């Protein structure tokens, strides 16, 4: 794989947290077998980042974690 084949995720800290929170929500809604484990990881990511609320993608409005 070359550097030109790698796509960078450049959404920053808040965007990255929102992206993974959105994935966790989708996995949970769809009943994915790994949804609970993924949700736990996302919750840990938010805790390590010092975030007590989750912000939806593309929004400055927080939603409770």
PDB file of N, CA and C in Angstrom:
ATOM      1  N   UNK A   1       0.840  -1.162   0.000  1.00  0.00           N
ATOM      2  CA  UNK A   1       0.000   0.000   0.000  1.00  0.00           C
ATOM      3  C   UNK A   1       0.892   1.234   0.000  1.00  0.00           C
ATOM      4  N   UNK A   2       0.545   2.166  -0.820  1.00  0.00           N
ATOM      5  CA  UNK A   2       1.324   3.402  -0.880  1.00  0.00           C
ATOM      6  C   UNK A   2       0.623   4.488  -0.079  1.00  0.00           C
ATOM      7  N   UNK A   3       1.342   5.552   0.207  1.00  0.00           N
ATOM      8  CA  UNK A   3       0.789   6.671   0.951  1.00  0.00           C
ATOM      9  C   UNK A   3      -0.410   7.263   0.238  1.00  0.00           C
ATOM     10  N   UNK A   4      -0.389   7.299  -1.084  1.00  0.00           N
ATOM     11  CA  UNK A   4      -1.504   7.877  -1.830  1.00  0.00           C
ATOM     12  C   UNK A   4      -2.769   7.032  -1.725  1.00  0.00           C
ATOM     13  N   UNK A   5      -2.653   5.781  -1.307  1.00  0.00           N
ATOM     14  CA  UNK A   5      -3.815   4.914  -1.163  1.00  0.00           C
ATOM     15  C   UNK A   5      -4.467   5.033   0.208  1.00  0.00           C
ATOM     16  N   UNK A   6      -3.790   5.671   1.124  1.00  0.00           N
ATOM     17  CA  UNK A   6      -4.304   5.813   2.479  1.00  0.00           C
ATOM     18  C   UNK A   6      -5.129   7.097   2.550  1.00  0.00           C
ATOM     19  N   UNK A   7      -6.368   6.969   2.996  1.00  0.00           N
ATOM     20  CA  UNK A   7      -7.234   8.128   3.167  1.00  0.00           C
ATOM     21  C   UNK A   7      -7.130   8.576   4.617  1.00  0.00           C
ATOM     22  N   UNK A   8      -6.855   9.838   4.816  1.00  0.00           N
ATOM     23  CA  UNK A   8      -6.717  10.366   6.168  1.00  0.00           C
ATOM     24  C   UNK A   8      -8.064  10.791   6.717  1.00  0.00           C
ATOM     25  N   UNK A   9      -8.270  10.517   7.978  1.00  0.00           N
ATOM     26  CA  UNK A   9      -9.458  10.990   8.680  1.00  0.00           C
ATOM     27  C   UNK A   9      -9.059  12.276   9.359  1.00  0.00           C
ATOM     28  N   UNK A  10      -9.570  13.406   8.884  1.00  0.00           N
ATOM     29  CA  UNK A  10      -9.111  14.704   9.372  1.00  0.00           C
ATOM     30  C   UNK A  10     -10.216  15.500  10.052  1.00  0.00           C
ATOM     31  N   UNK A  11     -11.122  14.827  10.726  1.00  0.00           N
ATOM     32  CA  UNK A  11     -12.252  15.511  11.359  1.00  0.00           C
ATOM     33  C   UNK A  11     -11.899  16.107  12.719  1.00  0.00           C
ATOM     34  N   UNK A  12     -10.699  15.883  13.186  1.00  0.00           N
ATOM     35  CA  UNK A  12     -10.317  16.396  14.492  1.00  0.00           C
ATOM     36  C   UNK A  12     -10.886  15.560  15.619  1.00  0.00           C
ATOM     37  N   UNK A  13     -10.615  15.986  16.822  1.00  0.00           N
ATOM     38  CA  UNK A  13     -11.011  15.235  18.013  1.00  0.00           C
ATOM     39  C   UNK A  13     -12.524  15.081  18.106  1.00  0.00           C
ATOM     40  N   UNK A  14     -13.259  16.189  18.039  1.00  0.00           N
ATOM     41  CA  UNK A  14     -14.707  16.141  18.174  1.00  0.00           C
ATOM     42  C   UNK A  14     -15.350  15.355  17.039  1.00  0.00           C
ATOM     43  N   UNK A  15     -14.870  15.547  15.827  1.00  0.00           N
ATOM     44  CA  UNK A  15     -15.408  14.827  14.684  1.00  0.00           C
ATOM     45  C   UNK A  15     -15.158  13.331  14.773  1.00  0.00           C
ATOM     46  N   UNK A  16     -13.984  12.968  15.268  1.00  0.00           N
ATOM     47  CA  UNK A  16     -13.655  11.552  15.423  1.00  0.00           C
ATOM     48  C   UNK A  16     -14.561  10.904  16.462  1.00  0.00           C
ATOM     49  N   UNK A  17     -14.749  11.574  17.589  1.00  0.00           N
ATOM     50  CA  UNK A  17     -15.643  11.043  18.621  1.00  0.00           C
ATOM     51  C   UNK A  17     -17.073  10.932  18.092  1.00  0.00           C
ATOM     52  N   UNK A  18     -17.536  11.941  17.376  1.00  0.00           N
ATOM     53  CA  UNK A  18     -18.892  11.921  16.822  1.00  0.00           C
ATOM     54  C   UNK A  18     -19.047  10.799  15.799  1.00  0.00           C
ATOM     55  N   UNK A  19     -18.024  10.580  14.987  1.00  0.00           N
ATOM     56  CA  UNK A  19     -18.063   9.522  13.968  1.00  0.00           C
ATOM     57  C   UNK A  19     -18.238   8.149  14.615  1.00  0.00           C
ATOM     58  N   UNK A  20     -17.424   7.858  15.623  1.00  0.00           N
ATOM     59  CA  UNK A  20     -17.514   6.553  16.269  1.00  0.00           C
ATOM     60  C   UNK A  20     -18.808   6.416  17.076  1.00  0.00           C
ATOM     61  N   UNK A  21     -19.292   7.503  17.671  1.00  0.00           N
ATOM     62  CA  UNK A  21     -20.575   7.461  18.377  1.00  0.00           C
ATOM     63  C   UNK A  21     -21.710   7.171  17.397  1.00  0.00           C
ATOM     64  N   UNK A  22     -21.648   7.761  16.204  1.00  0.00           N
ATOM     65  CA  UNK A  22     -22.667   7.507  15.182  1.00  0.00           C
ATOM     66  C   UNK A  22     -22.642   6.047  14.741  1.00  0.00           C
ATOM     67  N   UNK A  23     -21.442   5.489  14.570  1.00  0.00           N
ATOM     68  CA  UNK A  23     -21.338   4.072  14.216  1.00  0.00           C
ATOM     69  C   UNK A  23     -21.935   3.193  15.310  1.00  0.00           C
ATOM     70  N   UNK A  24     -21.652   3.515  16.561  1.00  0.00           N
ATOM     71  CA  UNK A  24     -22.188   2.733  17.676  1.00  0.00           C
ATOM     72  C   UNK A  24     -23.713   2.768  17.667  1.00  0.00           C
ATOM     73  N   UNK A  25     -24.275   3.920  17.391  1.00  0.00           N
ATOM     74  CA  UNK A  25     -25.729   4.053  17.338  1.00  0.00           C
ATOM     75  C   UNK A  25     -26.318   3.215  16.201  1.00  0.00           C
ATOM     76  N   UNK A  26     -25.691   3.269  15.048  1.00  0.00           N
ATOM     77  CA  UNK A  26     -26.158   2.485  13.897  1.00  0.00           C
ATOM     78  C   UNK A  26     -26.077   0.994  14.196  1.00  0.00           C
ATOM     79  N   UNK A  27     -24.956   0.551  14.737  1.00  0.00           N
ATOM     80  CA  UNK A  27     -24.794  -0.875  15.055  1.00  0.00           C
ATOM     81  C   UNK A  27     -25.855  -1.332  16.058  1.00  0.00           C
ATOM     82  N   UNK A  28     -26.139  -0.487  17.055  1.00  0.00           N
ATOM     83  CA  UNK A  28     -27.143  -0.831  18.063  1.00  0.00           C
ATOM     84  C   UNK A  28     -28.533  -0.913  17.442  1.00  0.00           C
ATOM     85  N   UNK A  29     -28.893   0.089  16.636  1.00  0.00           N
ATOM     86  CA  UNK A  29     -30.209   0.096  15.983  1.00  0.00           C
ATOM     87  C   UNK A  29     -30.416  -1.114  15.090  1.00  0.00           C
ATOM     88  N   UNK A  30     -29.360  -1.546  14.442  1.00  0.00           N
ATOM     89  CA  UNK A  30     -29.464  -2.673  13.510  1.00  0.00           C
ATOM     90  C   UNK A  30     -29.288  -4.029  14.189  1.00  0.00           C
ATOM     91  N   UNK A  31     -29.028  -4.010  15.490  1.00  0.00           N
ATOM     92  CA  UNK A  31     -28.891  -5.259  16.222  1.00  0.00           C
ATOM     93  C   UNK A  31     -27.643  -6.046  15.870  1.00  0.00           C
ATOM     94  N   UNK A  32     -26.578  -5.350  15.522  1.00  0.00           N
ATOM     95  CA  UNK A  32     -25.321  -6.014  15.179  1.00  0.00           C
ATOM     96  C   UNK A  32     -24.797  -6.773  16.398  1.00  0.00           C
ATOM     97  N   UNK A  33     -24.309  -7.996  16.201  1.00  0.00           N
ATOM     98  CA  UNK A  33     -23.820  -8.804  17.324  1.00  0.00           C
ATOM     99  C   UNK A  33     -22.733  -8.119  18.150  1.00  0.00           C
ATOM    100  N   UNK A  34     -21.943  -7.285  17.528  1.00  0.00           N
ATOM    101  CA  UNK A  34     -20.841  -6.652  18.246  1.00  0.00           C
ATOM    102  C   UNK A  34     -21.190  -5.254  18.760  1.00  0.00           C
ATOM    103  N   UNK A  35     -22.473  -4.878  18.704  1.00  0.00           N
ATOM    104  CA  UNK A  35     -22.885  -3.521  19.066  1.00  0.00           C
ATOM    105  C   UNK A  35     -22.536  -3.167  20.509  1.00  0.00           C
ATOM    106  N   UNK A  36     -22.811  -4.061  21.441  1.00  0.00           N
ATOM    107  CA  UNK A  36     -22.538  -3.762  22.855  1.00  0.00           C
ATOM    108  C   UNK A  36     -21.042  -3.575  23.116  1.00  0.00           C
ATOM    109  N   UNK A  37     -20.222  -4.409  22.517  1.00  0.00           N
ATOM    110  CA  UNK A  37     -18.769  -4.283  22.691  1.00  0.00           C
ATOM    111  C   UNK A  37     -18.264  -2.983  22.063  1.00  0.00           C
ATOM    112  N   UNK A  38     -18.784  -2.660  20.884  1.00  0.00           N
ATOM    113  CA  UNK A  38     -18.365  -1.429  20.208  1.00  0.00           C
ATOM    114  C   UNK A  38     -18.806  -0.213  21.021  1.00  0.00           C
ATOM    115  N   UNK A  39     -20.015  -0.245  21.556  1.00  0.00           N
ATOM    116  CA  UNK A  39     -20.530   0.843  22.386  1.00  0.00           C
ATOM    117  C   UNK A  39     -19.637   1.046  23.611  1.00  0.00           C
ATOM    118  N   UNK A  40     -19.178  -0.033  24.209  1.00  0.00           N
ATOM    119  CA  UNK A  40     -18.295   0.069  25.372  1.00  0.00           C
ATOM    120  C   UNK A  40     -16.978   0.745  25.003  1.00  0.00           C
ATOM    121  N   UNK A  41     -16.448   0.414  23.848  1.00  0.00           N
ATOM    122  CA  UNK A  41     -15.197   1.030  23.390  1.00  0.00           C
ATOM    123  C   UNK A  41     -15.404   2.520  23.129  1.00  0.00           C
ATOM    124  N   UNK A  42     -16.517   2.863  22.490  1.00  0.00           N
ATOM    125  CA  UNK A  42     -16.804   4.272  22.203  1.00  0.00           C
ATOM    126  C   UNK A  42     -16.995   5.055  23.508  1.00  0.00           C
ATOM    127  N   UNK A  43     -17.681   4.452  24.470  1.00  0.00           N
ATOM    128  CA  UNK A  43     -17.857   5.106  25.773  1.00  0.00           C
ATOM    129  C   UNK A  43     -16.497   5.343  26.430  1.00  0.00           C
ATOM    130  N   UNK A  44     -15.606   4.381  26.316  1.00  0.00           N
ATOM    131  CA  UNK A  44     -14.257   4.521  26.883  1.00  0.00           C
ATOM    132  C   UNK A  44     -13.474   5.622  26.164  1.00  0.00           C
ATOM    133  N   UNK A  45     -13.627   5.688  24.842  1.00  0.00           N
ATOM    134  CA  UNK A  45     -12.968   6.755  24.068  1.00  0.00           C
ATOM    135  C   UNK A  45     -13.418   8.128  24.576  1.00  0.00           C
ATOM    136  N   UNK A  46     -14.727   8.283  24.775  1.00  0.00           N
ATOM    137  CA  UNK A  46     -15.249   9.553  25.270  1.00  0.00           C
ATOM    138  C   UNK A  46     -14.723   9.854  26.674  1.00  0.00           C
ATOM    139  N   UNK A  47     -14.685   8.840  27.519  1.00  0.00           N
ATOM    140  CA  UNK A  47     -14.176   9.035  28.885  1.00  0.00           C
ATOM    141  C   UNK A  47     -12.711   9.466  28.871  1.00  0.00           C
ATOM    142  N   UNK A  48     -11.906   8.791  28.063  1.00  0.00           N
ATOM    143  CA  UNK A  48     -10.483   9.145  27.977  1.00  0.00           C
ATOM    144  C   UNK A  48     -10.276  10.550  27.421  1.00  0.00           C
ATOM    145  N   UNK A  49     -11.207  10.984  26.559  1.00  0.00           N
ATOM    146  CA  UNK A  49     -11.115  12.323  25.976  1.00  0.00           C
ATOM    147  C   UNK A  49     -11.699  13.386  26.910  1.00  0.00           C
ATOM    148  N   UNK A  50     -12.271  12.938  28.042  1.00  0.00           N
ATOM    149  CA  UNK A  50     -12.842  13.889  28.985  1.00  0.00           C
ATOM    150  C   UNK A  50     -14.192  14.429  28.548  1.00  0.00           C
ATOM    151  N   UNK A  51     -14.859  13.731  27.666  1.00  0.00           N
ATOM    152  CA  UNK A  51     -16.163  14.162  27.161  1.00  0.00           C
ATOM    153  C   UNK A  51     -17.270  13.489  27.957  1.00  0.00           C
ATOM    154  N   UNK A  52     -18.209  14.268  28.451  1.00  0.00           N
ATOM    155  CA  UNK A  52     -19.338  13.712  29.195  1.00  0.00           C
ATOM    156  C   UNK A  52     -20.602  13.663  28.344  1.00  0.00           C
ATOM    157  N   UNK A  53     -20.578  14.329  27.200  1.00  0.00           N
ATOM    158  CA  UNK A  53     -21.717  14.301  26.282  1.00  0.00           C
ATOM    159  C   UNK A  53     -21.233  13.891  24.902  1.00  0.00           C
ATOM    160  N   UNK A  54     -22.141  13.343  24.119  1.00  0.00           N
ATOM    161  CA  UNK A  54     -21.820  12.981  22.736  1.00  0.00           C
ATOM    162  C   UNK A  54     -22.470  13.980  21.802  1.00  0.00           C
ATOM    163  N   UNK A  55     -21.703  14.416  20.836  1.00  0.00           N
ATOM    164  CA  UNK A  55     -22.215  15.364  19.846  1.00  0.00           C
ATOM    165  C   UNK A  55     -22.481  14.626  18.538  1.00  0.00           C
ATOM    166  N   UNK A  56     -23.687  14.817  17.982  1.00  0.00           N
ATOM    167  CA  UNK A  56     -23.980  14.159  16.708  1.00  0.00           C
ATOM    168  C   UNK A  56     -23.077  14.675  15.591  1.00  0.00           C
ATOM    169  N   UNK A  57     -22.883  13.887  14.580  1.00  0.00           N
ATOM    170  CA  UNK A  57     -22.087  14.312  13.431  1.00  0.00           C
ATOM    171  C   UNK A  57     -22.670  15.594  12.841  1.00  0.00           C
ATOM    172  N   UNK A  58     -21.814  16.541  12.550  1.00  0.00           N
ATOM    173  CA  UNK A  58     -22.226  17.785  11.891  1.00  0.00           C
ATOM    174  C   UNK A  58     -23.034  18.715  12.776  1.00  0.00           C
ATOM    175  N   UNK A  59     -22.951  18.560  14.088  1.00  0.00           N
ATOM    176  CA  UNK A  59     -23.737  19.395  14.975  1.00  0.00           C
ATOM    177  C   UNK A  59     -22.894  19.842  16.156  1.00  0.00           C
ATOM    178  N   UNK A  60     -23.209  21.006  16.651  1.00  0.00           N
ATOM    179  CA  UNK A  60     -22.542  21.484  17.863  1.00  0.00           C
ATOM    180  C   UNK A  60     -23.389  21.171  19.083  1.00  0.00           C
ATOM    181  N   UNK A  61     -24.587  20.609  18.870  1.00  0.00           N
ATOM    182  CA  UNK A  61     -25.496  20.290  19.973  1.00  0.00           C
ATOM    183  C   UNK A  61     -25.136  18.953  20.595  1.00  0.00           C
ATOM    184  N   UNK A  62     -24.876  18.931  21.891  1.00  0.00           N
ATOM    185  CA  UNK A  62     -24.562  17.647  22.545  1.00  0.00           C
ATOM    186  C   UNK A  62     -25.799  16.822  22.803  1.00  0.00           C
ATOM    187  N   UNK A  63     -25.625  15.522  22.849  1.00  0.00           N
ATOM    188  CA  UNK A  63     -26.668  14.600  23.288  1.00  0.00           C
ATOM    189  C   UNK A  63     -26.102  13.822  24.453  1.00  0.00           C
ATOM    190  N   UNK A  64     -26.939  13.456  25.442  1.00  0.00           N
ATOM    191  CA  UNK A  64     -26.410  12.741  26.608  1.00  0.00           C
ATOM    192  C   UNK A  64     -25.727  11.437  26.215  1.00  0.00           C
ATOM    193  N   UNK A  65     -24.610  11.122  26.865  1.00  0.00           N
ATOM    194  CA  UNK A  65     -23.859   9.883  26.574  1.00  0.00           C
ATOM    195  C   UNK A  65     -24.515   8.708  27.225  1.00  0.00           C
TER     196      UNK A  65
END
